[in-house]
PDB file of all heavy atoms in Angstrom:
ATOM      1  N   GLN A   1      64.410 -23.077   8.696  1.00  0.00           N
ATOM      2  CA  GLN A   1      63.274 -23.711   9.344  1.00  0.00           C
ATOM      3  C   GLN A   1      63.761 -24.878  10.184  1.00  0.00           C
ATOM      4  O   GLN A   1      64.916 -25.300  10.076  1.00  0.00           O
ATOM      5  CB  GLN A   1      62.262 -24.198   8.285  1.00  0.00           C
ATOM      6  CG  GLN A   1      61.748 -23.101   7.369  1.00  0.00           C
ATOM      7  CD  GLN A   1      60.928 -23.650   6.211  1.00  0.00           C
ATOM      8  OE1 GLN A   1      60.638 -24.840   6.152  1.00  0.00           O
ATOM      9  NE2 GLN A   1      60.558 -22.774   5.290  1.00  0.00           N
ATOM     10  N   ASP A   2      62.902 -25.404  11.029  1.00  0.00           N
ATOM     11  CA  ASP A   2      63.274 -26.535  11.872  1.00  0.00           C
ATOM     12  C   ASP A   2      63.753 -27.703  11.016  1.00  0.00           C
ATOM     13  O   ASP A   2      63.131 -28.041  10.000  1.00  0.00           O
ATOM     14  CB  ASP A   2      62.076 -26.988  12.719  1.00  0.00           C
ATOM     15  CG  ASP A   2      61.742 -25.999  13.823  1.00  0.00           C
ATOM     16  OD1 ASP A   2      62.585 -25.137  14.107  1.00  0.00           O
ATOM     17  OD2 ASP A   2      60.637 -26.108  14.389  1.00  0.00           O
ATOM     18  N   GLY A   3      64.849 -28.297  11.421  1.00  0.00           N
ATOM     19  CA  GLY A   3      65.358 -29.471  10.731  1.00  0.00           C
ATOM     20  C   GLY A   3      66.230 -29.192   9.533  1.00  0.00           C
ATOM     21  O   GLY A   3      66.744 -30.119   8.911  1.00  0.00           O
ATOM     22  N   VAL A   4      66.421 -27.914   9.162  1.00  0.00           N
ATOM     23  CA  VAL A   4      67.245 -27.580   8.004  1.00  0.00           C
ATOM     24  C   VAL A   4      68.722 -27.593   8.394  1.00  0.00           C
ATOM     25  O   VAL A   4      69.109 -27.061   9.434  1.00  0.00           O
ATOM     26  CB  VAL A   4      66.866 -26.189   7.444  1.00  0.00           C
ATOM     27  CG1 VAL A   4      67.865 -25.748   6.387  1.00  0.00           C
ATOM     28  CG2 VAL A   4      65.470 -26.231   6.843  1.00  0.00           C
ATOM     29  N   THR A   5      69.543 -28.226   7.563  1.00  0.00           N
ATOM     30  CA  THR A   5      70.989 -28.253   7.792  1.00  0.00           C
ATOM     31  C   THR A   5      71.627 -27.024   7.162  1.00  0.00           C
ATOM     32  O   THR A   5      71.328 -26.679   6.018  1.00  0.00           O
ATOM     33  CB  THR A   5      71.608 -29.524   7.179  1.00  0.00           C
ATOM     34  OG1 THR A   5      71.025 -30.683   7.802  1.00  0.00           O
ATOM     35  CG2 THR A   5      73.119 -29.550   7.383  1.00  0.00           C
ATOM     36  N   LEU A   6      72.502 -26.343   7.919  1.00  0.00           N
ATOM     37  CA  LEU A   6      73.170 -25.138   7.431  1.00  0.00           C
ATOM     38  C   LEU A   6      74.681 -25.329   7.474  1.00  0.00           C
ATOM     39  O   LEU A   6      75.203 -26.086   8.290  1.00  0.00           O
ATOM     40  CB  LEU A   6      72.775 -23.928   8.293  1.00  0.00           C
ATOM     41  CG  LEU A   6      71.289 -23.584   8.360  1.00  0.00           C
ATOM     42  CD1 LEU A   6      71.055 -22.439   9.337  1.00  0.00           C
ATOM     43  CD2 LEU A   6      70.752 -23.224   6.987  1.00  0.00           C
ATOM     44  N   TYR A   7      75.365 -24.635   6.571  1.00  0.00           N
ATOM     45  CA  TYR A   7      76.823 -24.626   6.549  1.00  0.00           C
ATOM     46  C   TYR A   7      77.333 -23.272   7.024  1.00  0.00           C
ATOM     47  O   TYR A   7      76.796 -22.234   6.634  1.00  0.00           O
ATOM     48  CB  TYR A   7      77.359 -24.858   5.130  1.00  0.00           C
ATOM     49  CG  TYR A   7      77.098 -26.221   4.539  1.00  0.00           C
ATOM     50  CD1 TYR A   7      77.072 -26.393   3.160  1.00  0.00           C
ATOM     51  CD2 TYR A   7      76.912 -27.340   5.338  1.00  0.00           C
ATOM     52  CE1 TYR A   7      76.849 -27.641   2.596  1.00  0.00           C
ATOM     53  CE2 TYR A   7      76.692 -28.579   4.789  1.00  0.00           C
ATOM     54  CZ  TYR A   7      76.658 -28.731   3.417  1.00  0.00           C
ATOM     55  OH  TYR A   7      76.441 -29.965   2.862  1.00  0.00           O
ATOM     56  N   LEU A   8      78.369 -23.275   7.856  1.00  0.00           N
ATOM     57  CA  LEU A   8      79.085 -22.059   8.246  1.00  0.00           C
ATOM     58  C   LEU A   8      80.420 -22.088   7.505  1.00  0.00           C
ATOM     59  O   LEU A   8      81.280 -22.914   7.795  1.00  0.00           O
ATOM     60  CB  LEU A   8      79.301 -22.028   9.768  1.00  0.00           C
ATOM     61  CG  LEU A   8      80.081 -20.838  10.325  1.00  0.00           C
ATOM     62  CD1 LEU A   8      79.330 -19.535  10.062  1.00  0.00           C
ATOM     63  CD2 LEU A   8      80.317 -21.009  11.819  1.00  0.00           C
ATOM     64  N   LEU A   9      80.589 -21.171   6.531  1.00  0.00           N
ATOM     65  CA  LEU A   9      81.730 -21.222   5.620  1.00  0.00           C
ATOM     66  C   LEU A   9      82.399 -19.859   5.525  1.00  0.00           C
ATOM     67  O   LEU A   9      81.814 -18.835   5.878  1.00  0.00           O
ATOM     68  CB  LEU A   9      81.271 -21.651   4.219  1.00  0.00           C
ATOM     69  CG  LEU A   9      80.477 -22.957   4.111  1.00  0.00           C
ATOM     70  CD1 LEU A   9      79.899 -23.106   2.718  1.00  0.00           C
ATOM     71  CD2 LEU A   9      81.359 -24.137   4.455  1.00  0.00           C
ATOM     72  N   GLN A  10      83.621 -19.870   5.017  1.00  0.00           N
ATOM     73  CA  GLN A  10      84.315 -18.608   4.759  1.00  0.00           C
ATOM     74  C   GLN A  10      83.788 -17.949   3.488  1.00  0.00           C
ATOM     75  O   GLN A  10      83.704 -16.729   3.405  1.00  0.00           O
ATOM     76  CB  GLN A  10      85.821 -18.863   4.657  1.00  0.00           C
ATOM     77  CG  GLN A  10      86.446 -19.285   5.989  1.00  0.00           C
ATOM     78  CD  GLN A  10      87.912 -19.637   5.852  1.00  0.00           C
ATOM     79  OE1 GLN A  10      88.313 -20.281   4.885  1.00  0.00           O
ATOM     80  NE2 GLN A  10      88.714 -19.219   6.819  1.00  0.00           N
ATOM     81  N   THR A  11      83.454 -18.764   2.491  1.00  0.00           N
ATOM     82  CA  THR A  11      82.848 -18.274   1.247  1.00  0.00           C
ATOM     83  C   THR A  11      81.783 -19.269   0.811  1.00  0.00           C
ATOM     84  O   THR A  11      81.800 -20.439   1.227  1.00  0.00           O
ATOM     85  CB  THR A  11      83.886 -18.123   0.119  1.00  0.00           C
ATOM     86  OG1 THR A  11      84.452 -19.410  -0.180  1.00  0.00           O
ATOM     87  CG2 THR A  11      84.991 -17.154   0.525  1.00  0.00           C
ATOM     88  N   VAL A  12      80.878 -18.827  -0.055  1.00  0.00           N
ATOM     89  CA  VAL A  12      79.788 -19.688  -0.497  1.00  0.00           C
ATOM     90  C   VAL A  12      80.306 -20.923  -1.223  1.00  0.00           C
ATOM     91  O   VAL A  12      79.752 -22.020  -1.089  1.00  0.00           O
ATOM     92  CB  VAL A  12      78.822 -18.896  -1.414  1.00  0.00           C
ATOM     93  CG1 VAL A  12      77.802 -19.824  -2.057  1.00  0.00           C
ATOM     94  CG2 VAL A  12      78.112 -17.814  -0.625  1.00  0.00           C
ATOM     95  N   ASP A  13      81.385 -20.774  -1.987  1.00  0.00           N
ATOM     96  CA  ASP A  13      81.891 -21.892  -2.782  1.00  0.00           C
ATOM     97  C   ASP A  13      83.071 -22.605  -2.128  1.00  0.00           C
ATOM     98  O   ASP A  13      83.820 -23.315  -2.788  1.00  0.00           O
ATOM     99  CB  ASP A  13      82.290 -21.409  -4.181  1.00  0.00           C
ATOM    100  CG  ASP A  13      83.339 -20.294  -4.126  1.00  0.00           C
ATOM    101  OD1 ASP A  13      83.688 -19.850  -3.018  1.00  0.00           O
ATOM    102  OD2 ASP A  13      83.790 -19.866  -5.204  1.00  0.00           O
ATOM    103  N   GLN A  14      83.241 -22.432  -0.817  1.00  0.00           N
ATOM    104  CA  GLN A  14      84.346 -23.095  -0.122  1.00  0.00           C
ATOM    105  C   GLN A  14      84.207 -24.611  -0.176  1.00  0.00           C
ATOM    106  O   GLN A  14      83.102 -25.160  -0.070  1.00  0.00           O
ATOM    107  CB  GLN A  14      84.368 -22.651   1.354  1.00  0.00           C
ATOM    108  CG  GLN A  14      85.432 -23.354   2.198  1.00  0.00           C
ATOM    109  CD  GLN A  14      85.310 -23.007   3.671  1.00  0.00           C
ATOM    110  OE1 GLN A  14      84.761 -21.964   4.015  1.00  0.00           O
ATOM    111  NE2 GLN A  14      85.793 -23.872   4.538  1.00  0.00           N
ATOM    112  N   MET A  15      85.309 -25.308  -0.359  1.00  0.00           N
ATOM    113  CA  MET A  15      85.312 -26.762  -0.352  1.00  0.00           C
ATOM    114  C   MET A  15      85.015 -27.261   1.057  1.00  0.00           C
ATOM    115  O   MET A  15      85.573 -26.757   2.030  1.00  0.00           O
ATOM    116  CB  MET A  15      86.682 -27.295  -0.807  1.00  0.00           C
ATOM    117  CG  MET A  15      86.739 -28.786  -0.971  1.00  0.00           C
ATOM    118  SD  MET A  15      86.002 -29.348  -2.516  1.00  0.00           S
ATOM    119  CE  MET A  15      87.214 -28.760  -3.701  1.00  0.00           C
ATOM    120  N   LEU A  16      84.116 -28.230   1.181  1.00  0.00           N
ATOM    121  CA  LEU A  16      83.811 -28.783   2.502  1.00  0.00           C
ATOM    122  C   LEU A  16      85.012 -29.569   3.022  1.00  0.00           C
ATOM    123  O   LEU A  16      85.629 -30.340   2.296  1.00  0.00           O
ATOM    124  CB  LEU A  16      82.587 -29.688   2.420  1.00  0.00           C
ATOM    125  CG  LEU A  16      81.263 -29.017   2.054  1.00  0.00           C
ATOM    126  CD1 LEU A  16      80.132 -30.048   2.029  1.00  0.00           C
ATOM    127  CD2 LEU A  16      80.929 -27.889   3.006  1.00  0.00           C
ATOM    128  N   LEU A  17      85.305 -29.389   4.308  1.00  0.00           N
ATOM    129  CA  LEU A  17      86.459 -30.054   4.898  1.00  0.00           C
ATOM    130  C   LEU A  17      86.152 -31.494   5.288  1.00  0.00           C
ATOM    131  O   LEU A  17      87.051 -32.311   5.450  1.00  0.00           O
ATOM    132  CB  LEU A  17      86.940 -29.274   6.127  1.00  0.00           C
ATOM    133  CG  LEU A  17      87.383 -27.829   5.852  1.00  0.00           C
ATOM    134  CD1 LEU A  17      87.802 -27.154   7.142  1.00  0.00           C
ATOM    135  CD2 LEU A  17      88.540 -27.824   4.849  1.00  0.00           C
ATOM    136  N   SER A  18      84.884 -31.813   5.472  1.00  0.00           N
ATOM    137  CA  SER A  18      84.506 -33.175   5.830  1.00  0.00           C
ATOM    138  C   SER A  18      83.075 -33.420   5.371  1.00  0.00           C
ATOM    139  O   SER A  18      82.340 -32.488   5.049  1.00  0.00           O
ATOM    140  CB  SER A  18      84.619 -33.401   7.341  1.00  0.00           C
ATOM    141  OG  SER A  18      83.740 -32.537   8.045  1.00  0.00           O
ATOM    142  N   ALA A  19      82.678 -34.681   5.350  1.00  0.00           N
ATOM    143  CA  ALA A  19      81.323 -35.035   4.928  1.00  0.00           C
ATOM    144  C   ALA A  19      80.317 -34.619   6.003  1.00  0.00           C
ATOM    145  O   ALA A  19      80.616 -34.621   7.199  1.00  0.00           O
ATOM    146  CB  ALA A  19      81.227 -36.531   4.674  1.00  0.00           C
ATOM    147  N   THR A  20      79.139 -34.242   5.575  1.00  0.00           N
ATOM    148  CA  THR A  20      78.064 -33.912   6.511  1.00  0.00           C
ATOM    149  C   THR A  20      76.942 -34.926   6.360  1.00  0.00           C
ATOM    150  O   THR A  20      76.786 -35.545   5.309  1.00  0.00           O
ATOM    151  CB  THR A  20      77.496 -32.503   6.235  1.00  0.00           C
ATOM    152  OG1 THR A  20      76.930 -32.478   4.923  1.00  0.00           O
ATOM    153  CG2 THR A  20      78.597 -31.451   6.326  1.00  0.00           C
ATOM    154  N   LYS A  21      76.167 -35.093   7.428  1.00  0.00           N
ATOM    155  CA  LYS A  21      75.057 -36.039   7.408  1.00  0.00           C
ATOM    156  C   LYS A  21      73.770 -35.317   7.773  1.00  0.00           C
ATOM    157  O   LYS A  21      73.768 -34.416   8.605  1.00  0.00           O
ATOM    158  CB  LYS A  21      75.286 -37.189   8.398  1.00  0.00           C
ATOM    159  CG  LYS A  21      76.352 -38.173   7.964  1.00  0.00           C
ATOM    160  CD  LYS A  21      76.395 -39.374   8.890  1.00  0.00           C
ATOM    161  CE  LYS A  21      77.409 -40.410   8.407  1.00  0.00           C
ATOM    162  NZ  LYS A  21      77.422 -41.613   9.294  1.00  0.00           N
ATOM    163  N   GLU A  22      72.673 -35.724   7.125  1.00  0.00           N
ATOM    164  CA  GLU A  22      71.384 -35.116   7.387  1.00  0.00           C
ATOM    165  C   GLU A  22      70.324 -36.213   7.380  1.00  0.00           C
ATOM    166  O   GLU A  22      70.245 -37.004   6.447  1.00  0.00           O
ATOM    167  CB  GLU A  22      71.060 -34.080   6.306  1.00  0.00           C
ATOM    168  CG  GLU A  22      69.736 -33.371   6.504  1.00  0.00           C
ATOM    169  CD  GLU A  22      69.507 -32.306   5.429  1.00  0.00           C
ATOM    170  OE1 GLU A  22      70.277 -32.291   4.444  1.00  0.00           O
ATOM    171  OE2 GLU A  22      68.570 -31.518   5.570  1.00  0.00           O
ATOM    172  N   ARG A  23      69.528 -36.289   8.445  1.00  0.00           N
ATOM    173  CA  ARG A  23      68.468 -37.289   8.521  1.00  0.00           C
ATOM    174  C   ARG A  23      67.193 -36.708   7.937  1.00  0.00           C
ATOM    175  O   ARG A  23      66.847 -35.559   8.216  1.00  0.00           O
ATOM    176  CB  ARG A  23      68.234 -37.717   9.967  1.00  0.00           C
ATOM    177  CG  ARG A  23      67.201 -38.834  10.092  1.00  0.00           C
ATOM    178  CD  ARG A  23      67.066 -39.322  11.520  1.00  0.00           C
ATOM    179  NE  ARG A  23      66.056 -40.351  11.632  1.00  0.00           N
ATOM    180  CZ  ARG A  23      66.257 -41.637  11.410  1.00  0.00           C
ATOM    181  NH1 ARG A  23      67.455 -42.047  11.057  1.00  0.00           N
ATOM    182  NH2 ARG A  23      65.284 -42.509  11.528  1.00  0.00           N
ATOM    183  N   ILE A  24      66.497 -37.497   7.120  1.00  0.00           N
ATOM    184  CA  ILE A  24      65.263 -37.064   6.486  1.00  0.00           C
ATOM    185  C   ILE A  24      64.082 -37.685   7.232  1.00  0.00           C
ATOM    186  O   ILE A  24      64.014 -38.905   7.383  1.00  0.00           O
ATOM    187  CB  ILE A  24      65.213 -37.491   5.005  1.00  0.00           C
ATOM    188  CG1 ILE A  24      66.449 -36.973   4.258  1.00  0.00           C
ATOM    189  CG2 ILE A  24      63.942 -37.003   4.340  1.00  0.00           C
ATOM    190  CD1 ILE A  24      66.617 -37.578   2.892  1.00  0.00           C
ATOM    191  N   ASP A  25      63.178 -36.858   7.704  1.00  0.00           N
ATOM    192  CA  ASP A  25      61.970 -37.339   8.372  1.00  0.00           C
ATOM    193  C   ASP A  25      60.748 -36.867   7.593  1.00  0.00           C
ATOM    194  O   ASP A  25      60.655 -35.702   7.222  1.00  0.00           O
ATOM    195  CB  ASP A  25      61.891 -36.799   9.808  1.00  0.00           C
ATOM    196  CG  ASP A  25      62.989 -37.369  10.698  1.00  0.00           C
ATOM    197  OD1 ASP A  25      63.116 -38.596  10.767  1.00  0.00           O
ATOM    198  OD2 ASP A  25      63.714 -36.564  11.317  1.00  0.00           O
ATOM    199  N   PHE A  26      59.826 -37.774   7.341  1.00  0.00           N
ATOM    200  CA  PHE A  26      58.599 -37.387   6.663  1.00  0.00           C
ATOM    201  C   PHE A  26      57.487 -38.349   7.049  1.00  0.00           C
ATOM    202  O   PHE A  26      57.742 -39.494   7.433  1.00  0.00           O
ATOM    203  CB  PHE A  26      58.779 -37.366   5.138  1.00  0.00           C
ATOM    204  CG  PHE A  26      59.148 -38.699   4.535  1.00  0.00           C
ATOM    205  CD1 PHE A  26      58.175 -39.587   4.104  1.00  0.00           C
ATOM    206  CD2 PHE A  26      60.476 -39.059   4.382  1.00  0.00           C
ATOM    207  CE1 PHE A  26      58.513 -40.807   3.548  1.00  0.00           C
ATOM    208  CE2 PHE A  26      60.831 -40.273   3.819  1.00  0.00           C
ATOM    209  CZ  PHE A  26      59.844 -41.156   3.400  1.00  0.00           C
ATOM    210  N   LEU A  27      56.250 -37.869   6.983  1.00  0.00           N
ATOM    211  CA  LEU A  27      55.081 -38.690   7.259  1.00  0.00           C
ATOM    212  C   LEU A  27      54.622 -39.323   5.952  1.00  0.00           C
ATOM    213  O   LEU A  27      54.229 -38.611   5.028  1.00  0.00           O
ATOM    214  CB  LEU A  27      53.960 -37.828   7.851  1.00  0.00           C
ATOM    215  CG  LEU A  27      52.673 -38.567   8.236  1.00  0.00           C
ATOM    216  CD1 LEU A  27      52.956 -39.535   9.378  1.00  0.00           C
ATOM    217  CD2 LEU A  27      51.597 -37.563   8.643  1.00  0.00           C
ATOM    218  N   PRO A  28      54.654 -40.643   5.844  1.00  0.00           N
ATOM    219  CA  PRO A  28      54.281 -41.279   4.570  1.00  0.00           C
ATOM    220  C   PRO A  28      52.836 -40.991   4.197  1.00  0.00           C
ATOM    221  O   PRO A  28      51.970 -40.861   5.055  1.00  0.00           O
ATOM    222  CB  PRO A  28      54.481 -42.779   4.851  1.00  0.00           C
ATOM    223  CG  PRO A  28      55.415 -42.829   6.015  1.00  0.00           C
ATOM    224  CD  PRO A  28      55.105 -41.626   6.833  1.00  0.00           C
ATOM    225  N   HIS A  29      52.584 -40.875   2.899  1.00  0.00           N
ATOM    226  CA  HIS A  29      51.223 -40.713   2.407  1.00  0.00           C
ATOM    227  C   HIS A  29      50.467 -42.020   2.607  1.00  0.00           C
ATOM    228  O   HIS A  29      51.057 -43.091   2.665  1.00  0.00           O
ATOM    229  CB  HIS A  29      51.267 -40.332   0.925  1.00  0.00           C
ATOM    230  CG  HIS A  29      49.950 -39.854   0.390  1.00  0.00           C
ATOM    231  ND1 HIS A  29      49.008 -40.710  -0.094  1.00  0.00           N
ATOM    232  CD2 HIS A  29      49.430 -38.603   0.290  1.00  0.00           C
ATOM    233  CE1 HIS A  29      47.954 -40.026  -0.489  1.00  0.00           C
ATOM    234  NE2 HIS A  29      48.187 -38.745  -0.269  1.00  0.00           N
ATOM    235  N   TYR A  30      49.145 -41.935   2.719  1.00  0.00           N
ATOM    236  CA  TYR A  30      48.361 -43.147   2.961  1.00  0.00           C
ATOM    237  C   TYR A  30      48.538 -44.184   1.864  1.00  0.00           C
ATOM    238  O   TYR A  30      48.364 -45.384   2.093  1.00  0.00           O
ATOM    239  CB  TYR A  30      46.881 -42.800   3.125  1.00  0.00           C
ATOM    240  CG  TYR A  30      46.263 -42.097   1.940  1.00  0.00           C
ATOM    241  CD1 TYR A  30      45.854 -42.790   0.801  1.00  0.00           C
ATOM    242  CD2 TYR A  30      46.090 -40.724   1.949  1.00  0.00           C
ATOM    243  CE1 TYR A  30      45.295 -42.154  -0.273  1.00  0.00           C
ATOM    244  CE2 TYR A  30      45.527 -40.062   0.870  1.00  0.00           C
ATOM    245  CZ  TYR A  30      45.126 -40.783  -0.239  1.00  0.00           C
ATOM    246  OH  TYR A  30      44.573 -40.132  -1.309  1.00  0.00           O
ATOM    247  N   ASP A  31      48.871 -43.749   0.646  1.00  0.00           N
ATOM    248  CA  ASP A  31      49.075 -44.710  -0.436  1.00  0.00           C
ATOM    249  C   ASP A  31      50.205 -45.683  -0.112  1.00  0.00           C
ATOM    250  O   ASP A  31      50.247 -46.794  -0.650  1.00  0.00           O
ATOM    251  CB  ASP A  31      49.386 -43.987  -1.746  1.00  0.00           C
ATOM    252  CG  ASP A  31      48.116 -43.601  -2.496  1.00  0.00           C
ATOM    253  OD1 ASP A  31      47.038 -44.047  -2.073  1.00  0.00           O
ATOM    254  OD2 ASP A  31      48.212 -42.870  -3.487  1.00  0.00           O
ATOM    255  N   THR A  32      51.139 -45.262   0.742  1.00  0.00           N
ATOM    256  CA  THR A  32      52.222 -46.159   1.127  1.00  0.00           C
ATOM    257  C   THR A  32      51.648 -47.419   1.761  1.00  0.00           C
ATOM    258  O   THR A  32      52.157 -48.529   1.555  1.00  0.00           O
ATOM    259  CB  THR A  32      53.158 -45.457   2.124  1.00  0.00           C
ATOM    260  OG1 THR A  32      53.616 -44.237   1.552  1.00  0.00           O
ATOM    261  CG2 THR A  32      54.348 -46.335   2.463  1.00  0.00           C
ATOM    262  N   LEU A  33      50.586 -47.252   2.539  1.00  0.00           N
ATOM    263  CA  LEU A  33      49.988 -48.389   3.233  1.00  0.00           C
ATOM    264  C   LEU A  33      48.991 -49.139   2.361  1.00  0.00           C
ATOM    265  O   LEU A  33      48.960 -50.370   2.365  1.00  0.00           O
ATOM    266  CB  LEU A  33      49.288 -47.893   4.506  1.00  0.00           C
ATOM    267  CG  LEU A  33      50.169 -47.169   5.522  1.00  0.00           C
ATOM    268  CD1 LEU A  33      49.320 -46.692   6.695  1.00  0.00           C
ATOM    269  CD2 LEU A  33      51.263 -48.087   6.027  1.00  0.00           C
ATOM    270  N   VAL A  34      48.173 -48.409   1.607  1.00  0.00           N
ATOM    271  CA  VAL A  34      47.057 -49.059   0.926  1.00  0.00           C
ATOM    272  C   VAL A  34      47.393 -49.550  -0.473  1.00  0.00           C
ATOM    273  O   VAL A  34      46.664 -50.374  -1.026  1.00  0.00           O
ATOM    274  CB  VAL A  34      45.826 -48.124   0.866  1.00  0.00           C
ATOM    275  CG1 VAL A  34      45.390 -47.728   2.250  1.00  0.00           C
ATOM    276  CG2 VAL A  34      46.108 -46.887   0.023  1.00  0.00           C
ATOM    277  N   LYS A  35      48.486 -49.051  -1.059  1.00  0.00           N
ATOM    278  CA  LYS A  35      48.778 -49.442  -2.440  1.00  0.00           C
ATOM    279  C   LYS A  35      50.117 -50.160  -2.626  1.00  0.00           C
ATOM    280  O   LYS A  35      50.349 -50.757  -3.662  1.00  0.00           O
ATOM    281  CB  LYS A  35      48.743 -48.213  -3.355  1.00  0.00           C
ATOM    282  CG  LYS A  35      47.327 -47.698  -3.596  1.00  0.00           C
ATOM    283  CD  LYS A  35      47.311 -46.656  -4.704  1.00  0.00           C
ATOM    284  CE  LYS A  35      45.884 -46.212  -5.017  1.00  0.00           C
ATOM    285  NZ  LYS A  35      45.856 -45.201  -6.090  1.00  0.00           N
ATOM    286  N   SER A  36      50.995 -50.081  -1.644  1.00  0.00           N
ATOM    287  CA  SER A  36      52.321 -50.667  -1.844  1.00  0.00           C
ATOM    288  C   SER A  36      52.251 -52.173  -2.060  1.00  0.00           C
ATOM    289  O   SER A  36      53.105 -52.752  -2.715  1.00  0.00           O
ATOM    290  CB  SER A  36      53.223 -50.355  -0.651  1.00  0.00           C
ATOM    291  OG  SER A  36      53.651 -49.018  -0.692  1.00  0.00           O
ATOM    292  N   GLY A  37      51.240 -52.830  -1.490  1.00  0.00           N
ATOM    293  CA  GLY A  37      51.147 -54.275  -1.637  1.00  0.00           C
ATOM    294  C   GLY A  37      50.514 -54.725  -2.929  1.00  0.00           C
ATOM    295  O   GLY A  37      50.403 -55.924  -3.185  1.00  0.00           O
ATOM    296  N   MET A  38      50.105 -53.787  -3.770  1.00  0.00           N
ATOM    297  CA  MET A  38      49.383 -54.156  -4.991  1.00  0.00           C
ATOM    298  C   MET A  38      50.324 -54.453  -6.163  1.00  0.00           C
ATOM    299  O   MET A  38      49.884 -54.916  -7.211  1.00  0.00           O
ATOM    300  CB  MET A  38      48.414 -53.036  -5.378  1.00  0.00           C
ATOM    301  CG  MET A  38      47.287 -52.841  -4.373  1.00  0.00           C
ATOM    302  SD  MET A  38      46.258 -51.418  -4.768  1.00  0.00           S
ATOM    303  CE  MET A  38      45.549 -51.939  -6.330  1.00  0.00           C
ATOM    304  N   TYR A  39      51.592 -54.136  -5.988  1.00  0.00           N
ATOM    305  CA  TYR A  39      52.609 -54.361  -7.022  1.00  0.00           C
ATOM    306  C   TYR A  39      52.386 -53.533  -8.273  1.00  0.00           C
ATOM    307  O   TYR A  39      53.221 -53.519  -9.160  1.00  0.00           O
ATOM    308  CB  TYR A  39      52.690 -55.849  -7.417  1.00  0.00           C
ATOM    309  CG  TYR A  39      53.151 -56.735  -6.301  1.00  0.00           C
ATOM    310  CD1 TYR A  39      52.243 -57.539  -5.622  1.00  0.00           C
ATOM    311  CD2 TYR A  39      54.480 -56.756  -5.922  1.00  0.00           C
ATOM    312  CE1 TYR A  39      52.653 -58.351  -4.584  1.00  0.00           C
ATOM    313  CE2 TYR A  39      54.897 -57.563  -4.867  1.00  0.00           C
ATOM    314  CZ  TYR A  39      53.988 -58.354  -4.203  1.00  0.00           C
ATOM    315  OH  TYR A  39      54.391 -59.144  -3.180  1.00  0.00           O
ATOM    316  N   GLU A  40      51.266 -52.852  -8.387  1.00  0.00           N
ATOM    317  CA  GLU A  40      50.965 -51.969  -9.506  1.00  0.00           C
ATOM    318  C   GLU A  40      51.469 -52.565 -10.818  1.00  0.00           C
ATOM    319  O   GLU A  40      51.075 -53.646 -11.211  1.00  0.00           O
ATOM    320  CB  GLU A  40      51.518 -50.574  -9.216  1.00  0.00           C
ATOM    321  CG  GLU A  40      50.777 -49.951  -8.041  1.00  0.00           C
ATOM    322  CD  GLU A  40      51.147 -48.507  -7.781  1.00  0.00           C
ATOM    323  OE1 GLU A  40      52.311 -48.150  -7.932  1.00  0.00           O
ATOM    324  OE2 GLU A  40      50.251 -47.742  -7.415  1.00  0.00           O
ATOM    325  N   TYR A  41      52.393 -51.888 -11.508  1.00  0.00           N
ATOM    326  CA  TYR A  41      52.761 -52.412 -12.827  1.00  0.00           C
ATOM    327  C   TYR A  41      53.609 -53.671 -12.731  1.00  0.00           C
ATOM    328  O   TYR A  41      53.825 -54.372 -13.710  1.00  0.00           O
ATOM    329  CB  TYR A  41      53.464 -51.353 -13.664  1.00  0.00           C
ATOM    330  CG  TYR A  41      54.866 -51.000 -13.248  1.00  0.00           C
ATOM    331  CD1 TYR A  41      55.961 -51.736 -13.667  1.00  0.00           C
ATOM    332  CD2 TYR A  41      55.113 -49.881 -12.445  1.00  0.00           C
ATOM    333  CE1 TYR A  41      57.242 -51.398 -13.314  1.00  0.00           C
ATOM    334  CE2 TYR A  41      56.400 -49.533 -12.084  1.00  0.00           C
ATOM    335  CZ  TYR A  41      57.462 -50.292 -12.525  1.00  0.00           C
ATOM    336  OH  TYR A  41      58.724 -49.939 -12.167  1.00  0.00           O
ATOM    337  N   TYR A  42      54.095 -54.008 -11.514  1.00  0.00           N
ATOM    338  CA  TYR A  42      54.919 -55.210 -11.390  1.00  0.00           C
ATOM    339  C   TYR A  42      54.105 -56.479 -11.607  1.00  0.00           C
ATOM    340  O   TYR A  42      54.649 -57.558 -11.785  1.00  0.00           O
ATOM    341  CB  TYR A  42      55.602 -55.235 -10.019  1.00  0.00           C
ATOM    342  CG  TYR A  42      56.585 -54.115  -9.840  1.00  0.00           C
ATOM    343  CD1 TYR A  42      56.536 -53.272  -8.739  1.00  0.00           C
ATOM    344  CD2 TYR A  42      57.563 -53.880 -10.800  1.00  0.00           C
ATOM    345  CE1 TYR A  42      57.428 -52.226  -8.593  1.00  0.00           C
ATOM    346  CE2 TYR A  42      58.458 -52.835 -10.671  1.00  0.00           C
ATOM    347  CZ  TYR A  42      58.390 -52.014  -9.556  1.00  0.00           C
ATOM    348  OH  TYR A  42      59.275 -50.981  -9.423  1.00  0.00           O
ATOM    349  N   ALA A  43      52.770 -56.373 -11.513  1.00  0.00           N
ATOM    350  CA  ALA A  43      51.952 -57.533 -11.867  1.00  0.00           C
ATOM    351  C   ALA A  43      52.233 -57.901 -13.321  1.00  0.00           C
ATOM    352  O   ALA A  43      52.217 -59.067 -13.697  1.00  0.00           O
ATOM    353  CB  ALA A  43      50.478 -57.216 -11.671  1.00  0.00           C
TER     354      ALA A  43
END
């Protein structure tokens, strides 16, 4: 699917020759805005 990172390898269990990087993008849930400032149990 769009945004999925894939490996091209000789075998499934081949050792990676170098580190790979993948950026994660997501739309935050509304609770991120309306509840994050409440400190919840941190009160």
